[in-house]
């Protein structure tokens, strides 16, 4: 995936919020993402599908739910994403999401 395509993909605030949570928490159930982000299932699914289709995240079915996580391969190939997630997401919405996710130390 070209860098410009990656930047366009993550330019959406909700997709960045999803990546922020997944990076900090690891594997997260879609039901937890719905609760933290306060997005309806349809809207969240649309964002998750775009990220999954691009290879940014992976999903594993567990009964009726799917657990999502960031693809380690994607992070290895795009080290600047790791820097963004570790150093650049200091805005209130990102901190609030992590607090809701139980990541007070994240």
C-alpha atoms as a PDB file:
ATOM      1  CA  UNK A   1       0.000   0.000   0.000  1.00  0.00           C
ATOM      2  CA  UNK A   2       1.362   3.409  -0.974  1.00  0.00           C
ATOM      3  CA  UNK A   3       1.986   5.944   1.786  1.00  0.00           C
ATOM      4  CA  UNK A   4      -0.550   8.392   0.358  1.00  0.00           C
ATOM      5  CA  UNK A   5      -3.247   5.681   0.462  1.00  0.00           C
ATOM      6  CA  UNK A   6      -2.389   4.942   4.099  1.00  0.00           C
ATOM      7  CA  UNK A   7      -2.573   8.615   5.023  1.00  0.00           C
ATOM      8  CA  UNK A   8      -5.945   8.979   3.314  1.00  0.00           C
ATOM      9  CA  UNK A   9      -7.225   5.899   5.129  1.00  0.00           C
ATOM     10  CA  UNK A  10      -6.188   7.059   8.593  1.00  0.00           C
ATOM     11  CA  UNK A  11      -7.168  10.692   8.044  1.00  0.00           C
ATOM     12  CA  UNK A  12     -10.628   9.883   9.410  1.00  0.00           C
ATOM     13  CA  UNK A  13     -10.940  10.667  13.148  1.00  0.00           C
ATOM     14  CA  UNK A  14     -12.937   7.519  13.881  1.00  0.00           C
ATOM     15  CA  UNK A  15     -10.394   5.262  12.190  1.00  0.00           C
ATOM     16  CA  UNK A  16      -7.593   6.930  14.151  1.00  0.00           C
ATOM     17  CA  UNK A  17      -9.585   6.430  17.356  1.00  0.00           C
ATOM     18  CA  UNK A  18      -9.993   2.738  16.487  1.00  0.00           C
ATOM     19  CA  UNK A  19      -6.262   2.351  15.821  1.00  0.00           C
ATOM     20  CA  UNK A  20      -5.423   4.205  19.036  1.00  0.00           C
ATOM     21  CA  UNK A  21      -7.522   1.778  21.092  1.00  0.00           C
ATOM     22  CA  UNK A  22      -6.283  -1.329  19.297  1.00  0.00           C
ATOM     23  CA  UNK A  23      -2.670  -0.239  19.606  1.00  0.00           C
ATOM     24  CA  UNK A  24      -3.021   0.421  23.322  1.00  0.00           C
ATOM     25  CA  UNK A  25      -5.220  -2.539  24.267  1.00  0.00           C
ATOM     26  CA  UNK A  26      -4.239  -5.194  21.747  1.00  0.00           C
ATOM     27  CA  UNK A  27      -7.095  -7.492  20.738  1.00  0.00           C
ATOM     28  CA  UNK A  28     -10.473  -5.817  21.319  1.00  0.00           C
ATOM     29  CA  UNK A  29     -14.000  -7.100  20.757  1.00  0.00           C
ATOM     30  CA  UNK A  30     -16.145  -5.118  18.355  1.00  0.00           C
ATOM     31  CA  UNK A  31     -18.732  -4.768  21.140  1.00  0.00           C
ATOM     32  CA  UNK A  32     -16.141  -2.943  23.287  1.00  0.00           C
ATOM     33  CA  UNK A  33     -15.249  -0.636  20.400  1.00  0.00           C
ATOM     34  CA  UNK A  34     -18.933   0.214  19.927  1.00  0.00           C
ATOM     35  CA  UNK A  35     -19.230   1.142  23.586  1.00  0.00           C
ATOM     36  CA  UNK A  36     -16.042   3.203  23.797  1.00  0.00           C
ATOM     37  CA  UNK A  37     -16.498   5.062  20.528  1.00  0.00           C
ATOM     38  CA  UNK A  38     -20.268   5.453  20.918  1.00  0.00           C
ATOM     39  CA  UNK A  39     -20.748   4.582  17.254  1.00  0.00           C
ATOM     40  CA  UNK A  40     -23.631   2.543  15.924  1.00  0.00           C
ATOM     41  CA  UNK A  41     -22.843  -0.923  14.611  1.00  0.00           C
ATOM     42  CA  UNK A  42     -23.271   0.062  10.963  1.00  0.00           C
ATOM     43  CA  UNK A  43     -20.926   3.047  11.148  1.00  0.00           C
ATOM     44  CA  UNK A  44     -18.284   1.140  13.116  1.00  0.00           C
ATOM     45  CA  UNK A  45     -18.460  -1.815  10.714  1.00  0.00           C
ATOM     46  CA  UNK A  46     -17.843   0.486   7.771  1.00  0.00           C
ATOM     47  CA  UNK A  47     -14.659   1.838   9.384  1.00  0.00           C
ATOM     48  CA  UNK A  48     -13.463  -1.606  10.468  1.00  0.00           C
ATOM     49  CA  UNK A  49     -14.060  -3.041   6.994  1.00  0.00           C
ATOM     50  CA  UNK A  50     -11.988  -0.301   5.362  1.00  0.00           C
ATOM     51  CA  UNK A  51      -9.118  -0.913   7.785  1.00  0.00           C
ATOM     52  CA  UNK A  52      -9.359  -4.685   7.409  1.00  0.00           C
ATOM     53  CA  UNK A  53      -9.565  -4.577   3.604  1.00  0.00           C
ATOM     54  CA  UNK A  54      -6.398  -2.452   3.540  1.00  0.00           C
ATOM     55  CA  UNK A  55      -4.587  -4.935   5.798  1.00  0.00           C
ATOM     56  CA  UNK A  56      -4.219  -2.477   8.677  1.00  0.00           C
ATOM     57  CA  UNK A  57      -6.180  -4.643  11.124  1.00  0.00           C
ATOM     58  CA  UNK A  58      -7.126  -8.287  11.405  1.00  0.00           C
ATOM     59  CA  UNK A  59     -10.248  -9.847  12.850  1.00  0.00           C
ATOM     60  CA  UNK A  60     -10.830 -13.167  14.568  1.00  0.00           C
ATOM     61  CA  UNK A  61     -14.338 -14.525  15.058  1.00  0.00           C
ATOM     62  CA  UNK A  62     -15.248 -15.580  18.571  1.00  0.00           C
ATOM     63  CA  UNK A  63     -18.783 -16.917  18.730  1.00  0.00           C
ATOM     64  CA  UNK A  64     -21.048 -14.068  17.578  1.00  0.00           C
ATOM     65  CA  UNK A  65     -18.360 -11.400  18.052  1.00  0.00           C
ATOM     66  CA  UNK A  66     -15.168 -10.482  16.262  1.00  0.00           C
ATOM     67  CA  UNK A  67     -11.977  -9.466  18.041  1.00  0.00           C
ATOM     68  CA  UNK A  68      -9.836  -6.960  16.152  1.00  0.00           C
ATOM     69  CA  UNK A  69      -6.167  -6.054  16.434  1.00  0.00           C
ATOM     70  CA  UNK A  70      -3.632  -4.070  14.446  1.00  0.00           C
ATOM     71  CA  UNK A  71      -1.656  -6.167  12.001  1.00  0.00           C
ATOM     72  CA  UNK A  72       1.933  -6.538  13.217  1.00  0.00           C
ATOM     73  CA  UNK A  73       3.022  -6.932   9.606  1.00  0.00           C
ATOM     74  CA  UNK A  74       1.410  -3.594   8.736  1.00  0.00           C
ATOM     75  CA  UNK A  75       3.203  -1.892  11.654  1.00  0.00           C
ATOM     76  CA  UNK A  76       6.552  -3.406  10.631  1.00  0.00           C
ATOM     77  CA  UNK A  77       6.124  -2.189   7.061  1.00  0.00           C
ATOM     78  CA  UNK A  78       4.932   1.279   8.139  1.00  0.00           C
ATOM     79  CA  UNK A  79       6.964   2.327  11.158  1.00  0.00           C
ATOM     80  CA  UNK A  80       5.685   5.894  10.953  1.00  0.00           C
ATOM     81  CA  UNK A  81       2.256   4.606  12.044  1.00  0.00           C
ATOM     82  CA  UNK A  82       3.750   3.302  15.278  1.00  0.00           C
ATOM     83  CA  UNK A  83       5.303   6.730  15.887  1.00  0.00           C
ATOM     84  CA  UNK A  84       1.963   8.442  15.286  1.00  0.00           C
ATOM     85  CA  UNK A  85       0.198   6.080  17.677  1.00  0.00           C
ATOM     86  CA  UNK A  86       2.865   6.370  20.381  1.00  0.00           C
ATOM     87  CA  UNK A  87       3.805  10.029  20.181  1.00  0.00           C
ATOM     88  CA  UNK A  88       1.269  12.108  18.295  1.00  0.00           C
ATOM     89  CA  UNK A  89      -2.191  11.206  19.601  1.00  0.00           C
ATOM     90  CA  UNK A  90      -2.394  13.507  22.602  1.00  0.00           C
ATOM     91  CA  UNK A  91      -5.782  15.098  21.879  1.00  0.00           C
ATOM     92  CA  UNK A  92      -8.576  14.915  24.422  1.00  0.00           C
ATOM     93  CA  UNK A  93     -10.718  12.489  22.421  1.00  0.00           C
ATOM     94  CA  UNK A  94      -7.875   9.956  22.222  1.00  0.00           C
ATOM     95  CA  UNK A  95      -7.126  10.183  25.942  1.00  0.00           C
ATOM     96  CA  UNK A  96     -10.838   9.877  26.761  1.00  0.00           C
ATOM     97  CA  UNK A  97     -11.126   6.763  24.589  1.00  0.00           C
ATOM     98  CA  UNK A  98      -8.198   5.124  26.371  1.00  0.00           C
ATOM     99  CA  UNK A  99      -9.651   5.972  29.777  1.00  0.00           C
ATOM    100  CA  UNK A 100     -12.950   4.383  28.726  1.00  0.00           C
ATOM    101  CA  UNK A 101     -10.999   1.354  27.512  1.00  0.00           C
ATOM    102  CA  UNK A 102      -9.373   0.962  30.907  1.00  0.00           C
ATOM    103  CA  UNK A 103      -5.997   2.136  29.680  1.00  0.00           C
ATOM    104  CA  UNK A 104      -5.147   4.712  32.331  1.00  0.00           C
ATOM    105  CA  UNK A 105      -1.463   3.771  31.986  1.00  0.00           C
ATOM    106  CA  UNK A 106      -1.503   3.480  28.189  1.00  0.00           C
END
